[in-house]
Amino acid sequence: SLTGFADWITSFGRSYDFLISYSLWDELSRGWVYLLISIFYI
C-alpha cells in the first residue's frame, strides 16, 4: 500500500543492532535453493 511504501522509506532512518531480522534469516536458510531456481528461471 502507499502507507506501507511511506513506512518503508522512513525505516531507512531508524537504527537497529542487527542488519537482518532472525525471521528472514531463518526463512532464507530454508528457501535459498528455491531462490536460486527462481533466478535461473527468469
All heavy atoms as atom14 arrays in JSON, in Angstrom:
{
  "sequence": "SLTGFADWITSFGRSYDFLISYSLWDELSRGWVYLLISIFYI",
  "atom14_mask": [
    [1, 1, 1, 1, 1, 1, 0, 0, 0, 0, 0, 0, 0, 0],
    [1, 1, 1, 1, 1, 1, 1, 1, 0, 0, 0, 0, 0, 0],
    [1, 1, 1, 1, 1, 1, 1, 0, 0, 0, 0, 0, 0, 0],
    [1, 1, 1, 1, 0, 0, 0, 0, 0, 0, 0, 0, 0, 0],
    [1, 1, 1, 1, 1, 1, 1, 1, 1, 1, 1, 0, 0, 0],
    [1, 1, 1, 1, 1, 0, 0, 0, 0, 0, 0, 0, 0, 0],
    [1, 1, 1, 1, 1, 1, 1, 1, 0, 0, 0, 0, 0, 0],
    [1, 1, 1, 1, 1, 1, 1, 1, 1, 1, 1, 1, 1, 1],
    [1, 1, 1, 1, 1, 1, 1, 1, 0, 0, 0, 0, 0, 0],
    [1, 1, 1, 1, 1, 1, 1, 0, 0, 0, 0, 0, 0, 0],
    [1, 1, 1, 1, 1, 1, 0, 0, 0, 0, 0, 0, 0, 0],
    [1, 1, 1, 1, 1, 1, 1, 1, 1, 1, 1, 0, 0, 0],
    [1, 1, 1, 1, 0, 0, 0, 0, 0, 0, 0, 0, 0, 0],
    [1, 1, 1, 1, 1, 1, 1, 1, 1, 1, 1, 0, 0, 0],
    [1, 1, 1, 1, 1, 1, 0, 0, 0, 0, 0, 0, 0, 0],
    [1, 1, 1, 1, 1, 1, 1, 1, 1, 1, 1, 1, 0, 0],
    [1, 1, 1, 1, 1, 1, 1, 1, 0, 0, 0, 0, 0, 0],
    [1, 1, 1, 1, 1, 1, 1, 1, 1, 1, 1, 0, 0, 0],
    [1, 1, 1, 1, 1, 1, 1, 1, 0, 0, 0, 0, 0, 0],
    [1, 1, 1, 1, 1, 1, 1, 1, 0, 0, 0, 0, 0, 0],
    [1, 1, 1, 1, 1, 1, 0, 0, 0, 0, 0, 0, 0, 0],
    [1, 1, 1, 1, 1, 1, 1, 1, 1, 1, 1, 1, 0, 0],
    [1, 1, 1, 1, 1, 1, 0, 0, 0, 0, 0, 0, 0, 0],
    [1, 1, 1, 1, 1, 1, 1, 1, 0, 0, 0, 0, 0, 0],
    [1, 1, 1, 1, 1, 1, 1, 1, 1, 1, 1, 1, 1, 1],
    [1, 1, 1, 1, 1, 1, 1, 1, 0, 0, 0, 0, 0, 0],
    [1, 1, 1, 1, 1, 1, 1, 1, 1, 0, 0, 0, 0, 0],
    [1, 1, 1, 1, 1, 1, 1, 1, 0, 0, 0, 0, 0, 0],
    [1, 1, 1, 1, 1, 1, 0, 0, 0, 0, 0, 0, 0, 0],
    [1, 1, 1, 1, 1, 1, 1, 1, 1, 1, 1, 0, 0, 0],
    [1, 1, 1, 1, 0, 0, 0, 0, 0, 0, 0, 0, 0, 0],
    [1, 1, 1, 1, 1, 1, 1, 1, 1, 1, 1, 1, 1, 1],
    [1, 1, 1, 1, 1, 1, 1, 0, 0, 0, 0, 0, 0, 0],
    [1, 1, 1, 1, 1, 1, 1, 1, 1, 1, 1, 1, 0, 0],
    [1, 1, 1, 1, 1, 1, 1, 1, 0, 0, 0, 0, 0, 0],
    [1, 1, 1, 1, 1, 1, 1, 1, 0, 0, 0, 0, 0, 0],
    [1, 1, 1, 1, 1, 1, 1, 1, 0, 0, 0, 0, 0, 0],
    [1, 1, 1, 1, 1, 1, 0, 0, 0, 0, 0, 0, 0, 0],
    [1, 1, 1, 1, 1, 1, 1, 1, 0, 0, 0, 0, 0, 0],
    [1, 1, 1, 1, 1, 1, 1, 1, 1, 1, 1, 0, 0, 0],
    [1, 1, 1, 1, 1, 1, 1, 1, 1, 1, 1, 1, 0, 0],
    [1, 1, 1, 1, 1, 1, 1, 1, 0, 0, 0, 0, 0, 0]
  ],
  "atom14_positions": [
    [[0.84, -1.2, 0.0], [0.0, 0.0, 0.0], [0.87, 1.24, 0.0], [2.09, 1.18, 0.24], [-0.93, 0.02, 1.22], [-0.17, 0.16, 2.4], [0.0, 0.0, 0.0], [0.0, 0.0, 0.0], [0.0, 0.0, 0.0], [0.0, 0.0, 0.0], [0.0, 0.0, 0.0], [0.0, 0.0, 0.0], [0.0, 0.0, 0.0], [0.0, 0.0, 0.0]],
    [[0.27, 2.39, -0.23], [1.01, 3.64, -0.18], [1.47, 3.94, 1.23], [2.54, 4.52, 1.44], [0.13, 4.78, -0.71], [-0.29, 4.68, -2.18], [-1.15, 5.87, -2.57], [0.91, 4.57, -3.09], [0.0, 0.0, 0.0], [0.0, 0.0, 0.0], [0.0, 0.0, 0.0], [0.0, 0.0, 0.0], [0.0, 0.0, 0.0], [0.0, 0.0, 0.0]],
    [[0.67, 3.53, 2.23], [1.09, 3.7, 3.62], [2.31, 2.84, 3.92], [3.27, 3.29, 4.56], [-0.06, 3.32, 4.57], [-1.21, 4.1, 4.26], [0.34, 3.56, 6.03], [0.0, 0.0, 0.0], [0.0, 0.0, 0.0], [0.0, 0.0, 0.0], [0.0, 0.0, 0.0], [0.0, 0.0, 0.0], [0.0, 0.0, 0.0], [0.0, 0.0, 0.0]],
    [[2.29, 1.6, 3.43], [3.44, 0.73, 3.61], [4.66, 1.26, 2.9], [5.79, 1.14, 3.39], [0.0, 0.0, 0.0], [0.0, 0.0, 0.0], [0.0, 0.0, 0.0], [0.0, 0.0, 0.0], [0.0, 0.0, 0.0], [0.0, 0.0, 0.0], [0.0, 0.0, 0.0], [0.0, 0.0, 0.0], [0.0, 0.0, 0.0], [0.0, 0.0, 0.0]],
    [[4.45, 1.89, 1.74], [5.54, 2.48, 0.99], [6.19, 3.61, 1.8], [7.42, 3.73, 1.86], [5.0, 3.0, -0.34], [6.0, 3.78, -1.16], [7.1, 3.15, -1.73], [5.84, 5.14, -1.34], [8.01, 3.86, -2.48], [6.75, 5.86, -2.1], [7.84, 5.22, -2.67], [0.0, 0.0, 0.0], [0.0, 0.0, 0.0], [0.0, 0.0, 0.0]],
    [[5.36, 4.44, 2.45], [5.88, 5.52, 3.29], [6.65, 4.96, 4.48], [7.72, 5.48, 4.85], [4.74, 6.42, 3.76], [0.0, 0.0, 0.0], [0.0, 0.0, 0.0], [0.0, 0.0, 0.0], [0.0, 0.0, 0.0], [0.0, 0.0, 0.0], [0.0, 0.0, 0.0], [0.0, 0.0, 0.0], [0.0, 0.0, 0.0], [0.0, 0.0, 0.0]],
    [[6.14, 3.91, 5.1], [6.84, 3.28, 6.23], [8.18, 2.7, 5.79], [9.16, 2.74, 6.54], [5.98, 2.17, 6.84], [4.75, 2.71, 7.54], [4.77, 3.91, 7.9], [3.78, 1.95, 7.73], [0.0, 0.0, 0.0], [0.0, 0.0, 0.0], [0.0, 0.0, 0.0], [0.0, 0.0, 0.0], [0.0, 0.0, 0.0], [0.0, 0.0, 0.0]],
    [[8.21, 2.14, 4.58], [9.46, 1.57, 4.04], [10.53, 2.63, 3.91], [11.68, 2.42, 4.25], [9.16, 0.93, 2.68], [10.32, 0.22, 2.06], [10.71, -1.07, 2.26], [11.24, 0.77, 1.1], [11.81, -1.37, 1.49], [12.16, -0.27, 0.76], [11.37, 2.01, 0.48], [13.19, -0.08, -0.15], [12.4, 2.21, -0.43], [13.28, 1.17, -0.73]],
    [[10.14, 3.82, 3.44], [11.11, 4.91, 3.26], [11.62, 5.4, 4.61], [12.82, 5.59, 4.81], [10.43, 6.06, 2.49], [10.08, 5.57, 1.11], [11.31, 7.29, 2.48], [10.36, 6.35, -0.04], [0.0, 0.0, 0.0], [0.0, 0.0, 0.0], [0.0, 0.0, 0.0], [0.0, 0.0, 0.0], [0.0, 0.0, 0.0], [0.0, 0.0, 0.0]],
    [[10.7, 5.61, 5.57], [11.11, 6.15, 6.88], [11.93, 5.14, 7.67], [12.7, 5.53, 8.55], [9.88, 6.55, 7.7], [8.99, 5.41, 7.81], [9.12, 7.69, 7.02], [0.0, 0.0, 0.0], [0.0, 0.0, 0.0], [0.0, 0.0, 0.0], [0.0, 0.0, 0.0], [0.0, 0.0, 0.0], [0.0, 0.0, 0.0], [0.0, 0.0, 0.0]],
    [[11.79, 3.85, 7.39], [12.55, 2.83, 8.12], [14.04, 2.92, 7.88], [14.84, 2.45, 8.69], [12.06, 1.43, 7.74], [10.74, 1.21, 8.18], [0.0, 0.0, 0.0], [0.0, 0.0, 0.0], [0.0, 0.0, 0.0], [0.0, 0.0, 0.0], [0.0, 0.0, 0.0], [0.0, 0.0, 0.0], [0.0, 0.0, 0.0], [0.0, 0.0, 0.0]],
    [[14.45, 3.53, 6.75], [15.87, 3.68, 6.49], [16.54, 4.6, 7.5], [17.75, 4.52, 7.7], [16.11, 4.22, 5.07], [16.08, 3.16, 4.01], [14.96, 3.0, 3.21], [17.15, 2.31, 3.82], [14.93, 2.02, 2.23], [17.13, 1.33, 2.85], [16.01, 1.18, 2.05], [0.0, 0.0, 0.0], [0.0, 0.0, 0.0], [0.0, 0.0, 0.0]],
    [[15.77, 5.47, 8.14], [16.36, 6.39, 9.12], [16.45, 5.82, 10.52], [17.0, 6.47, 11.41], [0.0, 0.0, 0.0], [0.0, 0.0, 0.0], [0.0, 0.0, 0.0], [0.0, 0.0, 0.0], [0.0, 0.0, 0.0], [0.0, 0.0, 0.0], [0.0, 0.0, 0.0], [0.0, 0.0, 0.0], [0.0, 0.0, 0.0], [0.0, 0.0, 0.0]],
    [[15.92, 4.63, 10.73], [15.96, 4.02, 12.06], [17.21, 3.16, 12.21], [17.74, 2.62, 11.25], [14.71, 3.17, 12.28], [13.41, 3.95, 12.15], [12.22, 3.01, 12.15], [10.98, 3.71, 11.81], [9.85, 3.12, 11.47], [9.8, 1.79, 11.42], [8.78, 3.82, 11.18], [0.0, 0.0, 0.0], [0.0, 0.0, 0.0], [0.0, 0.0, 0.0]],
    [[17.67, 3.03, 13.43], [18.87, 2.23, 13.7], [18.51, 0.95, 14.44], [17.63, 0.94, 15.3], [19.87, 3.03, 14.54], [19.29, 3.4, 15.78], [0.0, 0.0, 0.0], [0.0, 0.0, 0.0], [0.0, 0.0, 0.0], [0.0, 0.0, 0.0], [0.0, 0.0, 0.0], [0.0, 0.0, 0.0], [0.0, 0.0, 0.0], [0.0, 0.0, 0.0]],
    [[19.18, -0.15, 14.05], [18.97, -1.45, 14.68], [20.34, -2.05, 15.03], [21.36, -1.7, 14.44], [18.21, -2.4, 13.74], [16.8, -1.98, 13.43], [16.52, -1.16, 12.35], [15.75, -2.39, 14.24], [15.22, -0.77, 12.06], [14.44, -2.0, 13.96], [14.19, -1.19, 12.87], [12.91, -0.79, 12.59], [0.0, 0.0, 0.0], [0.0, 0.0, 0.0]],
    [[20.32, -2.97, 15.97], [21.57, -3.63, 16.38], [21.96, -4.75, 15.43], [23.02, -5.35, 15.58], [21.43, -4.2, 17.8], [21.24, -3.1, 18.83], [21.73, -1.97, 18.58], [20.59, -3.36, 19.86], [0.0, 0.0, 0.0], [0.0, 0.0, 0.0], [0.0, 0.0, 0.0], [0.0, 0.0, 0.0], [0.0, 0.0, 0.0], [0.0, 0.0, 0.0]],
    [[21.1, -5.05, 14.44], [21.38, -6.13, 13.51], [20.99, -5.69, 12.11], [20.13, -4.83, 11.92], [20.6, -7.4, 13.91], [19.18, -7.14, 14.3], [18.17, -7.13, 13.36], [18.84, -6.86, 15.63], [16.86, -6.88, 13.71], [17.53, -6.61, 15.99], [16.53, -6.62, 15.03], [0.0, 0.0, 0.0], [0.0, 0.0, 0.0], [0.0, 0.0, 0.0]],
    [[21.64, -6.27, 11.09], [21.39, -5.9, 9.7], [20.23, -6.66, 9.09], [19.61, -6.2, 8.13], [22.65, -6.15, 8.86], [23.84, -5.25, 9.16], [25.04, -5.66, 8.33], [23.51, -3.78, 8.91], [0.0, 0.0, 0.0], [0.0, 0.0, 0.0], [0.0, 0.0, 0.0], [0.0, 0.0, 0.0], [0.0, 0.0, 0.0], [0.0, 0.0, 0.0]],
    [[19.91, -7.84, 9.6], [18.85, -8.68, 9.06], [18.08, -9.31, 10.21], [18.67, -9.66, 11.25], [19.45, -9.77, 8.13], [18.34, -10.53, 7.4], [20.35, -10.71, 8.89], [18.87, -11.47, 6.33], [0.0, 0.0, 0.0], [0.0, 0.0, 0.0], [0.0, 0.0, 0.0], [0.0, 0.0, 0.0], [0.0, 0.0, 0.0], [0.0, 0.0, 0.0]],
    [[16.78, -9.43, 10.07], [15.96, -9.99, 11.14], [16.13, -11.51, 11.22], [16.47, -12.17, 10.22], [14.49, -9.66, 10.92], [14.0, -10.29, 9.76], [0.0, 0.0, 0.0], [0.0, 0.0, 0.0], [0.0, 0.0, 0.0], [0.0, 0.0, 0.0], [0.0, 0.0, 0.0], [0.0, 0.0, 0.0], [0.0, 0.0, 0.0], [0.0, 0.0, 0.0]],
    [[15.87, -12.05, 12.4], [16.02, -13.5, 12.58], [15.03, -14.27, 11.72], [15.35, -15.31, 11.16], [15.82, -13.86, 14.05], [15.8, -15.36, 14.29], [16.98, -16.09, 14.32], [14.58, -16.04, 14.45], [16.96, -17.47, 14.52], [14.56, -17.41, 14.65], [15.74, -18.12, 14.67], [15.73, -19.47, 14.86], [0.0, 0.0, 0.0], [0.0, 0.0, 0.0]],
    [[13.79, -13.76, 11.61], [12.76, -14.47, 10.84], [13.16, -14.57, 9.37], [12.96, -15.61, 8.73], [11.41, -13.76, 10.97], [11.51, -12.41, 10.52], [0.0, 0.0, 0.0], [0.0, 0.0, 0.0], [0.0, 0.0, 0.0], [0.0, 0.0, 0.0], [0.0, 0.0, 0.0], [0.0, 0.0, 0.0], [0.0, 0.0, 0.0], [0.0, 0.0, 0.0]],
    [[13.77, -13.5, 8.81], [14.2, -13.55, 7.41], [15.38, -14.5, 7.25], [15.45, -15.27, 6.28], [14.58, -12.16, 6.93], [15.13, -12.07, 5.5], [14.16, -12.68, 4.51], [15.45, -10.62, 5.13], [0.0, 0.0, 0.0], [0.0, 0.0, 0.0], [0.0, 0.0, 0.0], [0.0, 0.0, 0.0], [0.0, 0.0, 0.0], [0.0, 0.0, 0.0]],
    [[16.33, -14.46, 8.21], [17.48, -15.36, 8.14], [17.03, -16.82, 8.2], [17.54, -17.67, 7.46], [18.45, -15.06, 9.27], [19.64, -15.97, 9.31], [19.85, -17.03, 10.13], [20.77, -15.91, 8.44], [21.03, -17.65, 9.85], [21.64, -16.96, 8.81], [21.16, -15.06, 7.4], [22.84, -17.2, 8.18], [22.37, -15.29, 6.77], [23.19, -16.34, 7.15]],
    [[16.05, -17.1, 9.05], [15.54, -18.46, 9.18], [14.85, -18.91, 7.9], [15.03, -20.04, 7.44], [14.57, -18.52, 10.36], [14.02, -19.93, 10.59], [14.83, -20.86, 10.77], [12.79, -20.09, 10.56], [0.0, 0.0, 0.0], [0.0, 0.0, 0.0], [0.0, 0.0, 0.0], [0.0, 0.0, 0.0], [0.0, 0.0, 0.0], [0.0, 0.0, 0.0]],
    [[14.09, -18.0, 7.28], [13.4, -18.34, 6.03], [14.39, -18.52, 4.88], [14.23, -19.39, 4.03], [12.38, -17.25, 5.68], [11.36, -17.62, 4.63], [10.44, -18.75, 5.07], [9.87, -18.64, 6.16], [10.32, -19.73, 4.3], [0.0, 0.0, 0.0], [0.0, 0.0, 0.0], [0.0, 0.0, 0.0], [0.0, 0.0, 0.0], [0.0, 0.0, 0.0]],
    [[15.44, -17.68, 4.87], [16.47, -17.8, 3.85], [17.22, -19.13, 3.95], [17.56, -19.74, 2.93], [17.46, -16.65, 3.96], [17.19, -15.39, 3.13], [18.17, -14.29, 3.48], [17.23, -15.71, 1.65], [0.0, 0.0, 0.0], [0.0, 0.0, 0.0], [0.0, 0.0, 0.0], [0.0, 0.0, 0.0], [0.0, 0.0, 0.0], [0.0, 0.0, 0.0]],
    [[17.48, -19.57, 5.19], [18.2, -20.83, 5.37], [17.41, -22.02, 4.84], [17.98, -23.04, 4.47], [18.52, -21.03, 6.86], [17.34, -21.17, 7.62], [0.0, 0.0, 0.0], [0.0, 0.0, 0.0], [0.0, 0.0, 0.0], [0.0, 0.0, 0.0], [0.0, 0.0, 0.0], [0.0, 0.0, 0.0], [0.0, 0.0, 0.0], [0.0, 0.0, 0.0]],
    [[16.08, -21.88, 4.78], [15.25, -22.96, 4.28], [14.89, -22.79, 2.8], [14.61, -23.78, 2.11], [13.94, -23.04, 5.08], [14.13, -23.51, 6.52], [12.8, -23.58, 7.25], [12.22, -22.25, 7.43], [11.01, -22.02, 7.93], [10.23, -23.04, 8.27], [10.58, -20.8, 8.08], [0.0, 0.0, 0.0], [0.0, 0.0, 0.0], [0.0, 0.0, 0.0]],
    [[14.89, -21.55, 2.31], [14.41, -21.32, 0.95], [15.43, -20.85, -0.06], [15.06, -20.43, -1.16], [0.0, 0.0, 0.0], [0.0, 0.0, 0.0], [0.0, 0.0, 0.0], [0.0, 0.0, 0.0], [0.0, 0.0, 0.0], [0.0, 0.0, 0.0], [0.0, 0.0, 0.0], [0.0, 0.0, 0.0], [0.0, 0.0, 0.0], [0.0, 0.0, 0.0]],
    [[16.73, -20.92, 0.28], [17.75, -20.4, -0.64], [17.81, -21.21, -1.94], [18.12, -20.66, -3.0], [19.12, -20.37, 0.04], [19.68, -21.72, 0.4], [19.48, -22.39, 1.57], [20.51, -22.55, -0.42], [20.13, -23.6, 1.55], [20.78, -23.72, 0.34], [21.06, -22.44, -1.69], [21.55, -24.76, -0.15], [21.83, -23.47, -2.18], [22.09, -24.62, -1.42]],
    [[17.5, -22.51, -1.86], [17.51, -23.34, -3.07], [16.43, -22.85, -4.05], [16.68, -22.72, -5.26], [17.3, -24.82, -2.72], [17.18, -25.64, -4.0], [18.43, -25.33, -1.86], [0.0, 0.0, 0.0], [0.0, 0.0, 0.0], [0.0, 0.0, 0.0], [0.0, 0.0, 0.0], [0.0, 0.0, 0.0], [0.0, 0.0, 0.0], [0.0, 0.0, 0.0]],
    [[15.23, -22.59, -3.53], [14.15, -22.1, -4.38], [14.47, -20.74, -4.96], [14.08, -20.42, -6.09], [12.84, -22.04, -3.58], [12.45, -23.35, -2.96], [12.51, -23.53, -1.59], [12.03, -24.42, -3.74], [12.15, -24.74, -1.01], [11.67, -25.63, -3.18], [11.75, -25.78, -1.81], [11.41, -26.98, -1.25], [0.0, 0.0, 0.0], [0.0, 0.0, 0.0]],
    [[15.19, -19.92, -4.19], [15.6, -18.61, -4.67], [16.54, -18.74, -5.86], [16.38, -18.04, -6.87], [16.27, -17.83, -3.54], [16.77, -16.42, -3.88], [15.61, -15.53, -4.31], [17.48, -15.81, -2.68], [0.0, 0.0, 0.0], [0.0, 0.0, 0.0], [0.0, 0.0, 0.0], [0.0, 0.0, 0.0], [0.0, 0.0, 0.0], [0.0, 0.0, 0.0]],
    [[17.5, -19.65, -5.77], [18.43, -19.87, -6.89], [17.69, -20.4, -8.12], [17.97, -20.0, -9.25], [19.53, -20.85, -6.46], [20.53, -20.34, -5.42], [21.54, -21.43, -5.07], [21.25, -19.09, -5.92], [0.0, 0.0, 0.0], [0.0, 0.0, 0.0], [0.0, 0.0, 0.0], [0.0, 0.0, 0.0], [0.0, 0.0, 0.0], [0.0, 0.0, 0.0]],
    [[16.74, -21.32, -7.89], [15.96, -21.85, -9.01], [15.16, -20.74, -9.68], [15.06, -20.67, -10.91], [15.01, -22.97, -8.52], [15.83, -24.18, -8.04], [14.04, -23.38, -9.61], [15.0, -25.27, -7.4], [0.0, 0.0, 0.0], [0.0, 0.0, 0.0], [0.0, 0.0, 0.0], [0.0, 0.0, 0.0], [0.0, 0.0, 0.0], [0.0, 0.0, 0.0]],
    [[14.6, -19.84, -8.88], [13.82, -18.73, -9.41], [14.67, -17.8, -10.26], [14.26, -17.33, -11.33], [13.17, -17.95, -8.27], [12.31, -18.77, -7.51], [0.0, 0.0, 0.0], [0.0, 0.0, 0.0], [0.0, 0.0, 0.0], [0.0, 0.0, 0.0], [0.0, 0.0, 0.0], [0.0, 0.0, 0.0], [0.0, 0.0, 0.0], [0.0, 0.0, 0.0]],
    [[15.88, -17.51, -9.77], [16.79, -16.64, -10.52], [17.14, -17.27, -11.86], [17.18, -16.6, -12.9], [18.05, -16.34, -9.69], [17.68, -15.5, -8.46], [19.09, -15.61, -10.54], [18.82, -15.28, -7.5], [0.0, 0.0, 0.0], [0.0, 0.0, 0.0], [0.0, 0.0, 0.0], [0.0, 0.0, 0.0], [0.0, 0.0, 0.0], [0.0, 0.0, 0.0]],
    [[17.38, -18.58, -11.85], [17.67, -19.28, -13.11], [16.47, -19.21, -14.04], [16.61, -19.0, -15.25], [18.03, -20.73, -12.82], [18.1, -21.59, -14.05], [19.22, -21.58, -14.88], [17.03, -22.42, -14.41], [19.27, -22.36, -16.04], [17.08, -23.21, -15.55], [18.2, -23.17, -16.36], [0.0, 0.0, 0.0], [0.0, 0.0, 0.0], [0.0, 0.0, 0.0]],
    [[15.26, -19.36, -13.49], [14.05, -19.41, -14.3], [13.79, -18.11, -15.04], [13.33, -18.11, -16.2], [12.85, -19.74, -13.41], [11.56, -19.93, -14.17], [11.32, -21.07, -14.92], [10.56, -18.95, -14.13], [10.14, -21.24, -15.62], [9.38, -19.12, -14.82], [9.16, -20.27, -15.56], [8.0, -20.42, -16.25], [0.0, 0.0, 0.0], [0.0, 0.0, 0.0]],
    [[14.1, -16.97, -14.42], [13.81, -15.69, -15.05], [15.02, -15.13, -15.8], [14.92, -14.07, -16.43], [13.32, -14.65, -14.02], [14.45, -14.31, -13.03], [12.08, -15.12, -13.32], [14.09, -13.2, -12.06], [0.0, 0.0, 0.0], [0.0, 0.0, 0.0], [0.0, 0.0, 0.0], [0.0, 0.0, 0.0], [0.0, 0.0, 0.0], [0.0, 0.0, 0.0]]
  ]
}
